[in-house]
Amino acid sequence: MFNFLYYIKPIALFLLLVFMSCSSSGGEDPANEITKPSNLSITANIVGKDSEKPNGDGSGEVNFIISASNATSYKVLINSETLTLTQNEFSYTFTTPGIKTYTVIVSAYNGLNFVSKTISVTVFVKAADNNLQLVWQDEFNQDGSPNPANWGYDIGNGDNGWGNNESEYYTNRLDNAKVENGVLKITAQRENYQGYAFTSARMLTSGKFEFTYGRIDVRAKLPDGSGTWPAIWLLGANIGSVGWPACGEIDIMEHVGNNLGQVSSALHTTSSYGATINHKSVSVSNETTEFHLYSMIWTENSITFLLDDEVYYTYNPSPKNNQNWPFTSNQFIILNVAMGGNLGGTISDSFQSSTMEIDYVRVYQ
């Protein structure tokens, strides 16, 4: 007799195993692969960014646009904050003064599936100015000689008292000071002139613009080369009557070509001058190839120095007297590039010329 069950049981068992194998294979659900976000991109538009302000206008505001396929929501990690968004555009305002680079991580979600991408954005945030108003400026927009309504010159070597044992002869020639392509160029160069081996320019606003209290911003790219000594500084307008250092001197920025990567600020008063104890250096990157903002805020109580709008030194003696605080009356602005001298040091035999470029000088009160 033919035993049907004897044969059908193995067949049924085989079909069951095949079915179970098909049910458990195949990895992830294809539907999940289809709906997973892809093509994620992030665009950061810094408010006020242009060729002159590559990091923005100082507001710190950045507009972000996110693009991704199959995304229904986003998470953004920015400046130690986490934002959860359903729209693909958002604005964020950074508030820490200075030029800083921030990492922004964006994740695009669809359900539990997500993709992430990281970008960096460099933003300039201007320090609070307590509602100061612009009262004087030179944007150096007219090619040729610097504006004579704003600037005069010290001529000579200063060996009669106003120099610092420097090796250059200061002139008012276009060879040493001119406006070109929107910047002031002060050039120190090797040449035999008036008995000296180098020439340069020392420009000043004495008798043309002087001020007491406020903020000054100077955007500058510094010269390079061993022996160069560029400076942005203020000197008391009463120097003719009280002399130096009783008039007070505020060195907003000094740089030494023999010590790249550093700039310094200092104050000279009757209580401490020359090798003054009232000074501080700060690190700076690419100072000879990129523009930086050198600033000083002067109030009745203190003088504060900033690099790229970030505070690095405040002078605030207490108690104040004529010896340590002569900064109660007008000062004028000086821009110059010295060669050698007390701070510039040894000049390289290979030095030929180098230029300090000034984008603008602005004073606020």
Protein backbone atom coordinates (compact mmCIF):
# COMPACT_ATOMS: atom_id res chain seq x y z
CA MET A 1 0.00 0.00 0.00
CA PHE A 2 1.34 3.50 -0.95
CA ASN A 3 2.06 5.54 2.22
CA PHE A 4 1.28 9.14 1.22
CA LEU A 5 2.15 10.63 4.62
CA TYR A 6 5.55 9.01 4.51
CA TYR A 7 6.46 11.15 1.48
CA ILE A 8 4.49 14.35 2.20
CA LYS A 9 6.05 15.08 5.61
CA PRO A 10 9.61 15.60 4.25
CA ILE A 11 8.25 17.80 1.47
CA ALA A 12 6.28 19.94 3.90
CA LEU A 13 9.28 20.28 6.20
CA PHE A 14 11.46 21.38 3.27
CA LEU A 15 8.95 24.01 2.15
CA LEU A 16 8.67 25.34 5.71
CA LEU A 17 12.45 25.74 5.98
CA VAL A 18 12.61 27.55 2.63
CA PHE A 19 9.84 29.94 3.76
CA MET A 20 11.55 30.68 7.06
CA SER A 21 14.85 31.27 5.30
CA CYS A 22 13.26 33.74 2.92
CA SER A 23 11.51 35.53 5.78
CA SER A 24 14.69 36.03 7.84
CA SER A 25 17.04 37.08 5.03
CA GLY A 26 17.38 40.40 3.22
CA GLY A 27 19.01 42.66 5.92
CA GLU A 28 17.44 46.11 6.42
CA ASP A 29 13.98 46.93 5.24
CA PRO A 30 14.34 48.44 1.77
CA ALA A 31 11.82 51.04 2.78
CA ASN A 32 14.28 52.39 5.35
CA GLU A 33 16.97 52.75 2.69
CA ILE A 34 14.62 54.67 0.44
CA THR A 35 13.54 57.16 3.10
CA LYS A 36 16.96 57.82 4.63
CA PRO A 37 17.98 61.47 4.05
CA SER A 38 20.75 62.12 1.53
CA ASN A 39 22.53 64.91 -0.35
CA LEU A 40 22.89 67.04 2.77
CA SER A 41 24.46 70.47 2.27
CA ILE A 42 24.73 73.60 4.43
CA THR A 43 25.28 77.17 3.24
CA ALA A 44 26.35 79.89 5.69
CA ASN A 45 25.72 83.51 4.63
CA ILE A 46 27.52 85.92 6.97
CA VAL A 47 25.64 89.21 7.20
CA GLY A 48 27.66 92.12 5.82
CA LYS A 49 30.36 89.95 4.26
CA ASP A 50 32.20 91.50 1.34
CA SER A 51 35.75 91.84 0.02
CA GLU A 52 36.63 94.38 2.71
CA LYS A 53 34.78 92.55 5.52
CA PRO A 54 35.35 88.84 4.83
CA ASN A 55 34.01 87.86 8.27
CA GLY A 56 30.95 90.09 8.29
CA ASP A 57 29.95 93.55 9.48
CA GLY A 58 30.45 92.90 13.18
CA SER A 59 26.82 92.06 13.94
CA GLY A 60 27.71 88.38 14.37
CA GLU A 61 24.61 87.33 12.42
CA VAL A 62 24.77 84.35 10.05
CA ASN A 63 21.92 83.03 7.88
CA PHE A 64 22.04 79.27 7.28
CA ILE A 65 20.31 77.31 4.51
CA ILE A 66 20.09 73.51 4.76
CA SER A 67 19.32 71.26 1.79
CA ALA A 68 18.68 67.49 1.98
CA SER A 69 16.63 64.90 0.14
CA ASN A 70 13.97 63.00 2.14
CA ALA A 71 14.50 65.07 5.31
CA THR A 72 11.59 65.93 7.59
CA SER A 73 13.49 67.68 10.42
CA TYR A 74 16.94 68.88 11.41
CA LYS A 75 19.13 69.13 14.49
CA VAL A 76 21.88 71.72 14.65
CA LEU A 77 24.75 71.80 17.14
CA ILE A 78 26.11 75.35 17.11
CA ASN A 79 28.17 77.25 19.69
CA SER A 80 27.35 74.63 22.38
CA GLU A 81 23.62 74.94 21.65
CA THR A 82 21.32 72.34 20.08
CA LEU A 83 18.53 73.57 17.81
CA THR A 84 15.67 71.35 16.59
CA LEU A 85 14.13 72.58 13.35
CA THR A 86 11.44 71.60 10.87
CA GLN A 87 12.28 74.37 8.40
CA ASN A 88 15.48 74.36 6.34
CA GLU A 89 16.51 77.98 7.01
CA PHE A 90 17.53 79.67 10.25
CA SER A 91 19.55 82.61 11.55
CA TYR A 92 22.01 82.60 14.42
CA THR A 93 23.79 85.54 16.08
CA PHE A 94 27.19 84.97 17.65
CA THR A 95 27.96 87.33 20.54
CA THR A 96 31.57 86.74 21.61
CA PRO A 97 33.62 89.78 20.48
CA GLY A 98 36.43 89.21 18.01
CA ILE A 99 37.04 87.07 14.93
CA LYS A 100 36.39 83.45 15.82
CA THR A 101 35.86 80.19 13.93
CA TYR A 102 32.89 78.06 14.97
CA THR A 103 32.07 74.43 14.15
CA VAL A 104 28.48 73.79 13.07
CA ILE A 105 27.11 70.22 12.92
CA VAL A 106 23.82 69.67 11.07
CA SER A 107 21.87 66.38 11.08
CA ALA A 108 18.97 65.75 8.71
CA TYR A 109 16.31 63.27 9.95
CA ASN A 110 13.55 61.13 8.53
CA GLY A 111 12.14 59.10 11.38
CA LEU A 112 15.06 57.45 13.13
CA ASN A 113 17.29 57.62 10.08
CA PHE A 114 19.67 60.56 9.73
CA VAL A 115 22.79 61.87 8.03
CA SER A 116 25.16 64.54 9.40
CA LYS A 117 27.58 67.10 8.04
CA THR A 118 30.05 69.51 9.67
CA ILE A 119 31.10 72.96 8.45
CA SER A 120 33.19 75.78 9.91
CA VAL A 121 32.25 79.47 9.83
CA THR A 122 34.50 82.40 10.77
CA VAL A 123 32.60 85.40 12.12
CA PHE A 124 33.52 88.89 13.32
CA VAL A 125 31.61 90.27 16.32
CA LYS A 126 32.25 93.91 17.16
CA ALA A 127 32.74 94.76 20.83
CA ALA A 128 30.07 96.89 22.48
CA ASP A 129 30.79 100.56 21.79
CA ASN A 130 28.33 102.12 24.23
CA ASN A 131 26.59 104.00 21.43
CA LEU A 132 29.74 105.78 20.25
CA GLN A 133 29.41 107.78 17.06
CA LEU A 134 31.94 108.04 14.24
CA VAL A 135 33.57 111.50 14.52
CA TRP A 136 36.63 111.23 12.25
CA GLN A 137 37.84 108.85 9.60
CA ASP A 138 40.16 108.35 6.68
CA GLU A 139 39.15 105.53 4.34
CA PHE A 140 42.04 106.18 1.92
CA ASN A 141 39.85 106.00 -1.15
CA GLN A 142 41.58 108.69 -3.25
CA ASP A 143 44.78 107.55 -4.97
CA GLY A 144 47.87 109.73 -4.67
CA SER A 145 49.19 111.70 -1.71
CA PRO A 146 47.46 111.18 1.65
CA ASN A 147 44.82 113.82 2.37
CA PRO A 148 46.72 116.93 3.58
CA ALA A 149 43.66 118.02 5.59
CA ASN A 150 44.17 114.91 7.74
CA TRP A 151 47.89 114.22 7.73
CA GLY A 152 51.19 115.97 8.18
CA TYR A 153 54.70 114.50 8.37
CA ASP A 154 57.71 114.37 10.62
CA ILE A 155 60.71 114.92 8.36
CA GLY A 156 64.20 113.72 9.24
CA ASN A 157 65.67 111.10 11.49
CA GLY A 158 64.51 112.43 14.82
CA ASP A 159 68.03 112.59 16.15
CA ASN A 160 67.14 115.93 17.70
CA GLY A 161 64.93 114.24 20.26
CA TRP A 162 61.84 112.73 18.67
CA GLY A 163 63.47 109.60 17.21
CA ASN A 164 64.43 106.29 18.77
CA ASN A 165 67.93 105.69 17.40
CA GLU A 166 66.42 104.55 14.12
CA SER A 167 68.27 104.01 10.84
CA GLU A 168 65.81 105.63 8.41
CA TYR A 169 65.19 109.16 7.20
CA TYR A 170 61.48 110.07 7.22
CA THR A 171 60.18 111.85 4.10
CA ASN A 172 56.89 113.09 2.68
CA ARG A 173 57.55 111.58 -0.77
CA LEU A 174 55.15 109.32 -2.62
CA ASP A 175 57.96 106.76 -2.58
CA ASN A 176 57.35 106.37 1.14
CA ALA A 177 53.69 107.28 1.66
CA LYS A 178 50.86 107.08 -0.86
CA VAL A 179 47.27 105.99 -1.24
CA GLU A 180 46.71 103.27 -3.81
CA ASN A 181 43.81 100.91 -4.49
CA GLY A 182 41.92 101.91 -1.36
CA VAL A 183 44.76 101.62 1.16
CA LEU A 184 47.46 103.85 2.59
CA LYS A 185 50.91 102.42 1.92
CA ILE A 186 53.84 103.43 4.14
CA THR A 187 56.98 101.92 2.64
CA ALA A 188 60.37 101.58 4.26
CA GLN A 189 63.11 100.99 1.72
CA ARG A 190 66.85 100.73 1.40
CA GLU A 191 68.33 103.75 -0.38
CA ASN A 192 71.00 106.35 0.29
CA TYR A 193 69.15 109.51 1.20
CA GLN A 194 70.24 112.53 3.24
CA GLY A 195 73.11 110.53 4.68
CA TYR A 196 70.96 107.55 5.78
CA ALA A 197 70.70 104.05 4.34
CA PHE A 198 66.89 103.78 4.55
CA THR A 199 63.82 105.95 4.03
CA SER A 200 60.27 105.69 5.33
CA ALA A 201 57.34 107.91 6.41
CA ARG A 202 55.98 109.07 9.74
CA MET A 203 52.49 110.57 9.35
CA LEU A 204 50.58 112.41 12.06
CA THR A 205 47.35 114.31 12.67
CA SER A 206 48.92 116.91 14.98
CA GLY A 207 47.17 120.27 14.54
CA LYS A 208 44.62 118.67 12.21
CA PHE A 209 42.74 116.17 14.38
CA GLU A 210 43.20 115.58 18.11
CA PHE A 211 40.81 114.00 20.57
CA THR A 212 40.18 113.11 24.21
CA TYR A 213 38.42 109.84 25.06
CA GLY A 214 36.77 107.53 22.55
CA ARG A 215 37.64 104.55 20.44
CA ILE A 216 40.07 104.28 17.53
CA ASP A 217 40.04 101.43 14.99
CA VAL A 218 42.88 100.89 12.51
CA ARG A 219 42.67 98.00 10.03
CA ALA A 220 46.20 97.20 8.92
CA LYS A 221 48.49 94.68 7.26
CA LEU A 222 52.02 94.91 8.63
CA PRO A 223 55.39 94.93 6.84
CA ASP A 224 57.80 92.03 7.11
CA GLY A 225 61.56 91.81 7.15
CA SER A 226 64.13 91.84 9.93
CA GLY A 227 64.56 95.32 11.34
CA THR A 228 61.10 96.68 10.51
CA TRP A 229 59.26 98.40 13.35
CA PRO A 230 55.75 99.59 12.35
CA ALA A 231 53.66 101.47 14.89
CA ILE A 232 50.16 102.87 15.33
CA TRP A 233 50.13 105.25 18.29
CA LEU A 234 48.98 108.44 19.98
CA LEU A 235 50.99 111.28 21.50
CA GLY A 236 49.83 114.08 23.79
CA ALA A 237 49.07 117.30 21.92
CA ASN A 238 50.66 119.27 24.76
CA ILE A 239 54.09 117.75 24.13
CA GLY A 240 55.40 121.15 23.08
CA SER A 241 54.69 122.64 26.50
CA VAL A 242 55.16 119.77 28.96
CA GLY A 243 57.52 117.52 27.01
CA TRP A 244 57.69 113.75 26.83
CA PRO A 245 56.73 111.58 28.70
CA ALA A 246 54.65 114.06 30.73
CA CYS A 247 52.36 114.47 27.69
CA GLY A 248 51.56 110.75 27.72
CA GLU A 249 51.99 108.24 24.91
CA ILE A 250 49.60 105.43 23.94
CA ASP A 251 51.10 102.73 21.70
CA ILE A 252 48.10 101.00 20.17
CA MET A 253 50.19 98.57 18.11
CA GLU A 254 53.89 97.94 17.71
CA HIS A 255 55.39 95.07 15.74
CA VAL A 256 58.96 93.88 15.30
CA GLY A 257 60.00 92.11 12.11
CA ASN A 258 62.48 90.08 14.12
CA ASN A 259 59.63 88.68 16.25
CA LEU A 260 56.82 87.57 13.96
CA GLY A 261 53.52 86.41 15.42
CA GLN A 262 53.45 89.05 18.16
CA VAL A 263 52.19 92.61 18.49
CA SER A 264 52.31 94.75 21.60
CA SER A 265 50.68 97.74 23.26
CA ALA A 266 52.22 100.10 25.82
CA LEU A 267 51.76 103.31 27.75
CA HIS A 268 54.47 105.83 28.55
CA THR A 269 54.00 108.20 31.48
CA THR A 270 56.23 110.04 33.90
CA SER A 271 55.88 107.10 36.29
CA SER A 272 57.15 104.57 33.71
CA TYR A 273 58.53 105.24 30.24
CA GLY A 274 61.02 103.92 27.72
CA ALA A 275 61.25 100.32 28.90
CA THR A 276 57.83 100.86 30.45
CA ILE A 277 56.30 98.31 32.82
CA ASN A 278 52.88 99.15 31.40
CA HIS A 279 52.77 96.98 28.30
CA LYS A 280 51.50 93.66 27.00
CA SER A 281 52.10 91.47 23.95
CA VAL A 282 49.55 89.28 22.22
CA SER A 283 49.86 86.55 19.58
CA VAL A 284 48.66 87.28 16.07
CA SER A 285 48.61 85.09 12.97
CA ASN A 286 49.51 86.12 9.42
CA GLU A 287 49.97 89.74 10.45
CA THR A 288 52.16 90.47 7.41
CA THR A 289 49.87 88.81 4.86
CA GLU A 290 46.38 89.57 6.20
CA PHE A 291 44.60 92.62 7.58
CA HIS A 292 43.81 92.75 11.30
CA LEU A 293 41.88 95.27 13.36
CA TYR A 294 43.93 97.14 15.98
CA SER A 295 41.79 99.12 18.43
CA MET A 296 41.97 101.17 21.60
CA ILE A 297 39.15 102.34 23.88
CA TRP A 298 40.01 105.37 26.05
CA THR A 299 37.73 106.49 28.89
CA GLU A 300 38.15 108.72 31.93
CA ASN A 301 39.09 105.66 33.97
CA SER A 302 40.93 103.20 31.72
CA ILE A 303 42.61 102.48 28.38
CA THR A 304 41.80 99.13 26.77
CA PHE A 305 43.53 97.50 23.81
CA LEU A 306 41.89 95.07 21.39
CA LEU A 307 43.07 92.82 18.56
CA ASP A 308 40.35 91.90 16.08
CA ASP A 309 37.88 93.32 18.61
CA GLU A 310 39.04 91.02 21.41
CA VAL A 311 40.35 92.66 24.58
CA TYR A 312 43.87 91.65 25.64
CA TYR A 313 45.09 94.48 27.90
CA THR A 314 43.57 97.18 30.09
CA TYR A 315 45.52 99.95 31.84
CA ASN A 316 43.70 101.26 34.90
CA PRO A 317 46.07 102.60 37.57
CA SER A 318 44.72 103.34 41.04
CA PRO A 319 44.90 105.87 42.50
CA LYS A 320 45.39 108.06 39.46
CA ASN A 321 47.68 111.08 39.45
CA ASN A 322 49.63 113.20 36.99
CA GLN A 323 52.51 110.74 37.11
CA ASN A 324 50.60 107.63 35.99
CA TRP A 325 47.56 109.18 34.27
CA PRO A 326 48.34 112.15 31.99
CA PHE A 327 45.56 110.95 29.67
CA THR A 328 43.06 113.72 30.39
CA SER A 329 43.61 115.91 27.33
CA ASN A 330 43.96 115.69 23.55
CA GLN A 331 46.19 113.23 21.76
CA PHE A 332 46.98 112.99 18.05
CA ILE A 333 47.49 109.94 15.80
CA ILE A 334 50.84 108.77 14.40
CA LEU A 335 51.44 106.06 11.76
CA ASN A 336 55.00 105.08 10.87
CA VAL A 337 57.41 102.32 9.88
CA ALA A 338 60.81 102.63 11.54
CA MET A 339 63.93 100.68 10.68
CA GLY A 340 66.12 99.29 13.45
CA GLY A 341 66.33 101.51 16.49
CA ASN A 342 65.54 100.80 20.13
CA LEU A 343 62.90 98.16 19.36
CA GLY A 344 63.40 97.25 15.69
CA GLY A 345 66.78 95.66 16.28
CA THR A 346 69.11 94.30 13.64
CA ILE A 347 68.29 95.00 10.00
CA SER A 348 68.87 92.12 7.62
CA ASP A 349 71.49 92.69 4.94
CA SER A 350 69.01 91.32 2.43
CA PHE A 351 66.28 93.82 3.30
CA GLN A 352 65.21 96.00 0.37
CA SER A 353 61.70 97.29 1.09
CA SER A 354 58.48 96.47 2.90
CA THR A 355 55.12 98.18 3.31
CA MET A 356 52.52 98.70 6.01
CA GLU A 357 49.06 98.92 4.46
CA ILE A 358 46.24 100.78 6.27
CA ASP A 359 42.69 100.13 5.09
CA TYR A 360 41.14 102.77 7.33
CA VAL A 361 41.49 104.83 10.51
CA ARG A 362 38.24 105.57 12.38
CA VAL A 363 37.63 107.44 15.62
CA TYR A 364 34.39 107.17 17.64
CA GLN A 365 33.16 109.23 20.56
